[in-house]
Amino acid sequence: MSIRNLVARLRADYPSVDAVTVEVTVRTAYDVFHRARVRAYVPILVERRSRRVLGAACRTAPGQAIDGGAAAAGAEPDAAVRGWRRPVDAPTAPEAVRSGL
């Protein structure tokens, strides 16, 4: 995923935020991970961090969308910024090690 594609998606999801702010937010998020040893997850972590920052910016401005459209789709207001959660029936790490998963 390129920075340009991510910026375009975020601009569509946060139309009240100007383009320069979206791009600076994404580039700043990438800078945080520039020394990451495992690079495979950097794009998703950058997107989550950027959405969290842009969502907070929208919440502080009166009359703006709170969650980048998740409420309109019927989702929980902060679902987009919370990220992945372990399914209830998934084993915890020690259980997975003991069971050989």
N, C-alpha and C. Protein backbone atom coordinates (compact mmCIF):
# COMPACT_ATOMS: atom_id res chain seq x y z
N MET A 1 0.85 -1.17 0.00
CA MET A 1 0.00 0.00 0.00
C MET A 1 0.90 1.23 0.00
N SER A 2 0.61 2.14 -0.89
CA SER A 2 1.43 3.35 -0.96
C SER A 2 0.83 4.45 -0.09
N ILE A 3 1.66 5.40 0.23
CA ILE A 3 1.20 6.55 1.01
C ILE A 3 0.10 7.28 0.24
N ARG A 4 0.28 7.40 -1.06
CA ARG A 4 -0.69 8.12 -1.88
C ARG A 4 -2.08 7.45 -1.80
N ASN A 5 -2.12 6.12 -1.86
CA ASN A 5 -3.40 5.41 -1.78
C ASN A 5 -4.05 5.58 -0.41
N LEU A 6 -3.24 5.48 0.63
CA LEU A 6 -3.78 5.65 1.98
C LEU A 6 -4.31 7.06 2.18
N VAL A 7 -3.57 8.06 1.72
CA VAL A 7 -4.02 9.45 1.84
C VAL A 7 -5.34 9.64 1.10
N ALA A 8 -5.46 9.07 -0.08
CA ALA A 8 -6.70 9.20 -0.85
C ALA A 8 -7.88 8.57 -0.11
N ARG A 9 -7.68 7.38 0.46
CA ARG A 9 -8.77 6.74 1.22
C ARG A 9 -9.15 7.55 2.44
N LEU A 10 -8.15 8.05 3.15
CA LEU A 10 -8.43 8.81 4.37
C LEU A 10 -9.11 10.15 4.04
N ARG A 11 -8.72 10.76 2.93
CA ARG A 11 -9.37 12.01 2.52
C ARG A 11 -10.84 11.76 2.22
N ALA A 12 -11.15 10.62 1.63
CA ALA A 12 -12.55 10.28 1.35
C ALA A 12 -13.32 10.00 2.64
N ASP A 13 -12.66 9.38 3.61
CA ASP A 13 -13.31 9.05 4.89
C ASP A 13 -13.42 10.24 5.84
N TYR A 14 -12.53 11.22 5.68
CA TYR A 14 -12.52 12.41 6.54
C TYR A 14 -12.55 13.67 5.67
N PRO A 15 -13.67 13.93 5.00
CA PRO A 15 -13.73 15.07 4.07
C PRO A 15 -13.61 16.43 4.76
N SER A 16 -13.85 16.49 6.06
CA SER A 16 -13.76 17.77 6.75
C SER A 16 -12.32 18.15 7.10
N VAL A 17 -11.39 17.22 6.92
CA VAL A 17 -9.98 17.48 7.23
C VAL A 17 -9.27 17.80 5.92
N ASP A 18 -8.49 18.89 5.92
CA ASP A 18 -7.83 19.28 4.68
C ASP A 18 -6.75 18.28 4.27
N ALA A 19 -6.44 18.25 2.98
CA ALA A 19 -5.54 17.25 2.38
C ALA A 19 -4.15 17.29 3.00
N VAL A 20 -3.65 18.48 3.28
CA VAL A 20 -2.30 18.60 3.84
C VAL A 20 -2.24 17.95 5.22
N THR A 21 -3.26 18.14 6.03
CA THR A 21 -3.30 17.55 7.36
C THR A 21 -3.33 16.03 7.27
N VAL A 22 -4.11 15.50 6.34
CA VAL A 22 -4.18 14.04 6.17
C VAL A 22 -2.81 13.50 5.77
N GLU A 23 -2.17 14.14 4.81
CA GLU A 23 -0.86 13.65 4.35
C GLU A 23 0.19 13.75 5.45
N VAL A 24 0.21 14.84 6.19
CA VAL A 24 1.17 14.99 7.29
C VAL A 24 0.91 13.94 8.36
N THR A 25 -0.35 13.66 8.64
CA THR A 25 -0.70 12.64 9.63
C THR A 25 -0.17 11.28 9.21
N VAL A 26 -0.36 10.91 7.94
CA VAL A 26 0.12 9.62 7.45
C VAL A 26 1.64 9.55 7.46
N ARG A 27 2.30 10.59 7.00
CA ARG A 27 3.77 10.58 6.98
C ARG A 27 4.34 10.53 8.39
N THR A 28 3.71 11.23 9.32
CA THR A 28 4.16 11.19 10.72
C THR A 28 3.99 9.78 11.29
N ALA A 29 2.88 9.14 10.96
CA ALA A 29 2.67 7.77 11.44
C ALA A 29 3.72 6.82 10.86
N TYR A 30 4.06 6.98 9.58
CA TYR A 30 5.11 6.15 8.99
C TYR A 30 6.45 6.39 9.67
N ASP A 31 6.73 7.64 10.03
CA ASP A 31 8.00 7.95 10.70
C ASP A 31 8.15 7.22 12.03
N VAL A 32 7.04 6.99 12.71
CA VAL A 32 7.08 6.28 13.99
C VAL A 32 7.61 4.86 13.81
N PHE A 33 7.30 4.27 12.66
CA PHE A 33 7.68 2.87 12.42
C PHE A 33 8.89 2.71 11.52
N HIS A 34 9.65 3.76 11.29
CA HIS A 34 10.75 3.68 10.33
C HIS A 34 11.85 2.70 10.74
N ARG A 35 11.95 2.38 12.00
CA ARG A 35 12.98 1.44 12.46
C ARG A 35 12.38 0.10 12.88
N ALA A 36 11.14 -0.15 12.49
CA ALA A 36 10.49 -1.41 12.88
C ALA A 36 11.23 -2.59 12.26
N ARG A 37 11.43 -3.62 13.05
CA ARG A 37 12.13 -4.80 12.56
C ARG A 37 11.22 -5.63 11.65
N VAL A 38 9.98 -5.77 12.03
CA VAL A 38 9.02 -6.52 11.23
C VAL A 38 8.20 -5.50 10.44
N ARG A 39 8.43 -5.44 9.14
CA ARG A 39 7.81 -4.42 8.29
C ARG A 39 6.45 -4.84 7.74
N ALA A 40 6.09 -6.10 7.87
CA ALA A 40 4.87 -6.60 7.26
C ALA A 40 3.62 -5.89 7.77
N TYR A 41 3.61 -5.47 9.02
CA TYR A 41 2.42 -4.88 9.62
C TYR A 41 2.44 -3.35 9.63
N VAL A 42 3.49 -2.75 9.14
CA VAL A 42 3.61 -1.30 9.17
C VAL A 42 2.44 -0.60 8.47
N PRO A 43 2.04 -1.01 7.27
CA PRO A 43 0.93 -0.29 6.61
C PRO A 43 -0.36 -0.27 7.42
N ILE A 44 -0.75 -1.40 8.01
CA ILE A 44 -1.99 -1.43 8.78
C ILE A 44 -1.85 -0.63 10.07
N LEU A 45 -0.67 -0.68 10.68
CA LEU A 45 -0.46 0.12 11.90
C LEU A 45 -0.49 1.61 11.59
N VAL A 46 0.07 1.99 10.45
CA VAL A 46 0.04 3.40 10.03
C VAL A 46 -1.40 3.83 9.79
N GLU A 47 -2.17 2.99 9.12
CA GLU A 47 -3.56 3.36 8.85
C GLU A 47 -4.35 3.49 10.14
N ARG A 48 -4.19 2.56 11.06
CA ARG A 48 -4.91 2.65 12.34
C ARG A 48 -4.51 3.90 13.12
N ARG A 49 -3.22 4.18 13.17
CA ARG A 49 -2.75 5.37 13.90
C ARG A 49 -3.30 6.64 13.25
N SER A 50 -3.27 6.69 11.93
CA SER A 50 -3.76 7.87 11.21
C SER A 50 -5.25 8.06 11.44
N ARG A 51 -6.02 6.97 11.39
CA ARG A 51 -7.46 7.07 11.63
C ARG A 51 -7.75 7.54 13.05
N ARG A 52 -6.97 7.07 14.01
CA ARG A 52 -7.16 7.49 15.39
C ARG A 52 -6.93 9.00 15.53
N VAL A 53 -5.86 9.49 14.93
CA VAL A 53 -5.53 10.92 15.01
C VAL A 53 -6.57 11.75 14.28
N LEU A 54 -6.94 11.34 13.08
CA LEU A 54 -7.92 12.11 12.31
C LEU A 54 -9.30 12.05 12.96
N GLY A 55 -9.65 10.92 13.52
CA GLY A 55 -10.92 10.81 14.24
C GLY A 55 -10.97 11.74 15.44
N ALA A 56 -9.86 11.83 16.16
CA ALA A 56 -9.79 12.74 17.31
C ALA A 56 -9.89 14.19 16.85
N ALA A 57 -9.28 14.50 15.71
CA ALA A 57 -9.36 15.86 15.17
C ALA A 57 -10.81 16.20 14.82
N CYS A 58 -11.53 15.24 14.27
CA CYS A 58 -12.93 15.48 13.92
C CYS A 58 -13.79 15.64 15.16
N ARG A 59 -13.49 14.90 16.21
CA ARG A 59 -14.28 14.99 17.45
C ARG A 59 -14.10 16.34 18.13
N THR A 60 -12.94 16.97 17.96
CA THR A 60 -12.71 18.24 18.64
C THR A 60 -13.33 19.41 17.90
N ALA A 61 -13.66 19.22 16.62
CA ALA A 61 -14.29 20.29 15.84
C ALA A 61 -15.80 20.16 15.95
N PRO A 62 -16.51 21.23 16.36
CA PRO A 62 -17.96 21.14 16.50
C PRO A 62 -18.64 20.88 15.16
N GLY A 63 -19.66 20.00 15.20
CA GLY A 63 -20.47 19.74 14.02
C GLY A 63 -19.82 18.82 13.00
N GLN A 64 -18.71 18.18 13.33
CA GLN A 64 -18.03 17.30 12.38
C GLN A 64 -18.39 15.85 12.65
N ALA A 65 -18.14 15.00 11.67
CA ALA A 65 -18.37 13.57 11.84
C ALA A 65 -17.45 13.04 12.93
N ILE A 66 -17.98 12.19 13.77
CA ILE A 66 -17.20 11.69 14.90
C ILE A 66 -16.29 10.55 14.50
N ASP A 67 -16.76 9.67 13.62
CA ASP A 67 -16.04 8.42 13.40
C ASP A 67 -15.71 8.13 11.95
N GLY A 68 -15.68 9.09 11.11
CA GLY A 68 -15.33 8.85 9.72
C GLY A 68 -16.34 8.02 8.97
N GLY A 69 -17.63 8.05 9.41
CA GLY A 69 -18.68 7.37 8.68
C GLY A 69 -19.12 6.05 9.28
N ALA A 70 -18.48 5.58 10.32
CA ALA A 70 -18.87 4.30 10.90
C ALA A 70 -20.27 4.36 11.49
N ALA A 71 -20.65 5.49 12.09
CA ALA A 71 -21.98 5.61 12.69
C ALA A 71 -23.06 5.55 11.62
N ALA A 72 -22.78 6.13 10.47
CA ALA A 72 -23.76 6.11 9.39
C ALA A 72 -23.98 4.69 8.88
N ALA A 73 -22.96 3.86 8.98
CA ALA A 73 -23.07 2.48 8.52
C ALA A 73 -23.63 1.58 9.61
N GLY A 74 -23.98 2.15 10.77
CA GLY A 74 -24.55 1.39 11.86
C GLY A 74 -23.52 0.76 12.78
N ALA A 75 -22.27 1.12 12.64
CA ALA A 75 -21.21 0.55 13.48
C ALA A 75 -21.14 1.31 14.79
N GLU A 76 -20.51 0.70 15.72
CA GLU A 76 -20.25 1.32 17.00
C GLU A 76 -19.34 2.55 16.77
N PRO A 77 -19.56 3.70 17.44
CA PRO A 77 -18.82 4.92 17.12
C PRO A 77 -17.31 4.81 17.08
N ASP A 78 -16.69 4.12 18.00
CA ASP A 78 -15.23 4.05 18.02
C ASP A 78 -14.67 2.75 17.47
N ALA A 79 -15.48 1.97 16.78
CA ALA A 79 -15.03 0.67 16.28
C ALA A 79 -13.87 0.81 15.31
N ALA A 80 -13.84 1.86 14.51
CA ALA A 80 -12.80 2.01 13.49
C ALA A 80 -11.43 2.28 14.12
N VAL A 81 -11.38 2.86 15.30
CA VAL A 81 -10.09 3.22 15.89
C VAL A 81 -9.61 2.22 16.93
N ARG A 82 -10.46 1.30 17.34
CA ARG A 82 -10.05 0.35 18.36
C ARG A 82 -9.16 -0.75 17.83
N GLY A 83 -9.37 -1.15 16.61
CA GLY A 83 -8.54 -2.20 16.03
C GLY A 83 -9.08 -3.58 16.31
N TRP A 84 -8.26 -4.58 16.04
CA TRP A 84 -8.66 -5.97 16.15
C TRP A 84 -8.76 -6.40 17.59
N ARG A 85 -9.73 -7.24 17.86
CA ARG A 85 -9.86 -7.84 19.19
C ARG A 85 -9.89 -9.35 19.04
N ARG A 86 -9.34 -10.05 20.02
CA ARG A 86 -9.32 -11.50 20.01
C ARG A 86 -10.74 -12.03 20.12
N PRO A 87 -11.15 -12.98 19.26
CA PRO A 87 -12.48 -13.57 19.38
C PRO A 87 -12.63 -14.23 20.74
N VAL A 88 -13.84 -14.26 21.24
CA VAL A 88 -14.11 -14.79 22.57
C VAL A 88 -13.66 -16.23 22.70
N ASP A 89 -13.86 -17.05 21.67
CA ASP A 89 -13.52 -18.45 21.77
C ASP A 89 -12.08 -18.78 21.39
N ALA A 90 -11.28 -17.78 21.04
CA ALA A 90 -9.88 -18.02 20.68
C ALA A 90 -9.06 -18.27 21.94
N PRO A 91 -8.12 -19.21 21.87
CA PRO A 91 -7.30 -19.48 23.06
C PRO A 91 -6.35 -18.32 23.34
N THR A 92 -6.07 -18.12 24.61
CA THR A 92 -5.08 -17.12 24.97
C THR A 92 -3.70 -17.68 24.64
N ALA A 93 -2.68 -16.86 24.70
CA ALA A 93 -1.33 -17.29 24.32
C ALA A 93 -0.85 -18.51 25.12
N PRO A 94 -0.95 -18.52 26.45
CA PRO A 94 -0.48 -19.71 27.18
C PRO A 94 -1.26 -20.97 26.80
N GLU A 95 -2.59 -20.85 26.57
CA GLU A 95 -3.38 -22.01 26.16
C GLU A 95 -2.93 -22.52 24.80
N ALA A 96 -2.64 -21.59 23.89
CA ALA A 96 -2.21 -21.97 22.54
C ALA A 96 -0.88 -22.70 22.58
N VAL A 97 0.02 -22.26 23.44
CA VAL A 97 1.32 -22.92 23.56
C VAL A 97 1.15 -24.32 24.13
N ARG A 98 0.32 -24.44 25.17
CA ARG A 98 0.11 -25.76 25.78
C ARG A 98 -0.55 -26.72 24.82
N SER A 99 -1.48 -26.22 23.98
CA SER A 99 -2.21 -27.12 23.07
C SER A 99 -1.46 -27.35 21.77
N GLY A 100 -0.34 -26.66 21.55
CA GLY A 100 0.46 -26.87 20.37
C GLY A 100 0.01 -26.08 19.15
N LEU A 101 -0.82 -25.04 19.35
CA LEU A 101 -1.28 -24.22 18.23
C LEU A 101 -0.22 -23.28 17.75
